[in-house]
């Protein structure tokens, strides 16, 4: 791991009226994102809660996954000057609204639709109650 990435990176608050981070990246997740960005350009996360890896955050080139009123922007990361948005389906947010989410990475294959899949890695969520 790059020794300059020492701690979690919190996203800026994005929900109206909130001034706290709901989502963070582990140093390992940030390191993988920095390796993926030159390949795929700016990136974004979306977590749907559906089947087939729906409980894992999916990483896409920014704008490739179209968001709508059915989605909630939970936070925006500053990744070396690029904005990386973390979106969640509104329905899934109802289940997760009392939690802080941390995006981590583990070895293994996730969904073929997420850009990290060819790397033999997959993003996952670790959660804790807010408070």
Protein backbone atom coordinates (compact mmCIF):
# COMPACT_ATOMS: atom_id res chain seq x y z
CA UNK A 1 0.00 0.00 0.00
CA UNK A 2 1.12 3.57 -0.68
CA UNK A 3 2.43 4.89 2.63
CA UNK A 4 1.06 8.37 1.86
CA UNK A 5 -2.50 7.00 2.22
CA UNK A 6 -2.63 6.58 5.98
CA UNK A 7 -6.25 6.94 7.10
CA UNK A 8 -9.84 6.78 5.91
CA UNK A 9 -11.06 9.47 3.55
CA UNK A 10 -14.45 10.90 4.50
CA UNK A 11 -16.86 12.10 1.84
CA UNK A 12 -18.28 15.59 2.05
CA UNK A 13 -21.86 15.67 3.28
CA UNK A 14 -24.36 15.71 0.43
CA UNK A 15 -27.81 15.36 1.97
CA UNK A 16 -29.63 18.65 2.60
CA UNK A 17 -29.33 19.82 6.20
CA UNK A 18 -26.54 17.41 7.12
CA UNK A 19 -23.01 18.43 8.05
CA UNK A 20 -21.46 15.00 8.69
CA UNK A 21 -19.99 12.32 6.48
CA UNK A 22 -22.11 9.24 5.86
CA UNK A 23 -19.49 7.39 3.83
CA UNK A 24 -15.72 6.88 3.86
CA UNK A 25 -13.03 5.05 1.88
CA UNK A 26 -10.41 2.84 3.50
CA UNK A 27 -6.80 3.48 2.42
CA UNK A 28 -6.94 0.22 0.44
CA UNK A 29 -10.11 1.29 -1.40
CA UNK A 30 -8.59 4.68 -2.19
CA UNK A 31 -5.40 3.06 -3.47
CA UNK A 32 -7.41 0.80 -5.81
CA UNK A 33 -9.47 3.76 -7.05
CA UNK A 34 -6.26 5.66 -7.82
CA UNK A 35 -5.06 2.68 -9.90
CA UNK A 36 -8.41 2.40 -11.72
CA UNK A 37 -8.79 6.10 -12.56
CA UNK A 38 -6.12 6.22 -15.32
CA UNK A 39 -7.81 3.22 -16.97
CA UNK A 40 -11.46 4.29 -16.66
CA UNK A 41 -11.37 8.06 -16.06
CA UNK A 42 -13.36 9.68 -13.27
CA UNK A 43 -15.38 7.18 -11.24
CA UNK A 44 -18.58 6.93 -9.20
CA UNK A 45 -20.19 4.42 -6.82
CA UNK A 46 -23.77 3.21 -6.76
CA UNK A 47 -25.30 0.77 -4.30
CA UNK A 48 -28.67 -0.63 -5.22
CA UNK A 49 -29.44 -3.35 -2.69
CA UNK A 50 -30.79 -5.61 -5.42
CA UNK A 51 -29.78 -9.15 -6.26
CA UNK A 52 -26.49 -10.28 -7.77
CA UNK A 53 -23.99 -8.29 -5.69
CA UNK A 54 -26.59 -5.61 -4.94
CA UNK A 55 -25.28 -5.35 -1.42
CA UNK A 56 -21.84 -4.41 -2.76
CA UNK A 57 -21.08 -0.93 -4.03
CA UNK A 58 -20.64 -0.91 -7.78
CA UNK A 59 -17.93 1.31 -9.24
CA UNK A 60 -18.53 2.76 -12.70
CA UNK A 61 -16.94 5.38 -14.92
CA UNK A 62 -18.58 8.65 -13.86
CA UNK A 63 -21.91 9.12 -15.64
CA UNK A 64 -22.07 5.56 -16.99
CA UNK A 65 -24.70 4.64 -14.40
CA UNK A 66 -27.60 7.06 -14.76
CA UNK A 67 -29.02 8.23 -11.45
CA UNK A 68 -32.53 9.57 -10.96
CA UNK A 69 -35.05 10.63 -8.32
CA UNK A 70 -34.95 6.99 -7.19
CA UNK A 71 -31.36 7.53 -5.94
CA UNK A 72 -29.80 9.46 -3.05
CA UNK A 73 -26.38 11.13 -3.21
CA UNK A 74 -24.81 10.18 0.14
CA UNK A 75 -21.46 11.88 -0.26
CA UNK A 76 -18.80 13.27 -2.55
CA UNK A 77 -15.13 12.36 -2.16
CA UNK A 78 -12.26 14.58 -3.26
CA UNK A 79 -9.89 12.09 -4.90
CA UNK A 80 -6.85 14.13 -5.81
CA UNK A 81 -8.97 16.93 -7.25
CA UNK A 82 -11.62 14.72 -8.91
CA UNK A 83 -15.08 14.36 -7.42
CA UNK A 84 -16.18 10.79 -6.80
CA UNK A 85 -19.88 10.53 -5.93
CA UNK A 86 -21.41 7.77 -3.81
CA UNK A 87 -25.06 7.09 -4.70
CA UNK A 88 -27.56 4.66 -3.17
CA UNK A 89 -31.04 3.70 -4.25
CA UNK A 90 -33.64 5.59 -2.20
CA UNK A 91 -35.28 2.30 -1.20
CA UNK A 92 -31.96 0.91 0.08
CA UNK A 93 -31.23 4.19 1.90
CA UNK A 94 -34.36 3.66 4.01
CA UNK A 95 -32.67 0.56 5.46
CA UNK A 96 -29.23 2.14 5.83
CA UNK A 97 -30.09 5.71 6.90
CA UNK A 98 -28.92 5.15 10.49
CA UNK A 99 -25.49 3.86 9.45
CA UNK A 100 -22.11 5.19 8.41
CA UNK A 101 -20.71 3.25 5.46
CA UNK A 102 -17.07 2.54 4.78
CA UNK A 103 -16.03 1.31 1.35
CA UNK A 104 -13.30 -1.30 1.67
CA UNK A 105 -11.70 -3.71 -0.78
CA UNK A 106 -10.95 -7.42 -0.54
CA UNK A 107 -9.40 -10.01 -2.81
CA UNK A 108 -11.99 -11.90 -4.82
CA UNK A 109 -14.32 -11.51 -7.75
CA UNK A 110 -17.39 -9.36 -7.46
CA UNK A 111 -19.73 -8.34 -10.22
CA UNK A 112 -18.44 -8.17 -13.76
CA UNK A 113 -20.14 -4.78 -14.10
CA UNK A 114 -17.96 -3.04 -11.52
CA UNK A 115 -14.63 -1.72 -12.86
CA UNK A 116 -12.49 -3.43 -10.20
CA UNK A 117 -13.60 -6.97 -11.20
CA UNK A 118 -10.72 -7.59 -13.68
CA UNK A 119 -8.24 -6.66 -10.93
CA UNK A 120 -9.23 -9.71 -8.84
CA UNK A 121 -10.58 -7.36 -6.17
CA UNK A 122 -14.03 -6.29 -5.09
CA UNK A 123 -15.37 -3.35 -3.14
CA UNK A 124 -17.55 -4.05 -0.13
CA UNK A 125 -19.33 -2.05 2.56
CA UNK A 126 -18.54 -2.10 6.24
CA UNK A 127 -21.16 -0.34 8.34
CA UNK A 128 -21.61 1.03 11.83
CA UNK A 129 -24.45 2.87 13.50
CA UNK A 130 -24.30 6.63 13.36
CA UNK A 131 -24.06 8.35 16.64
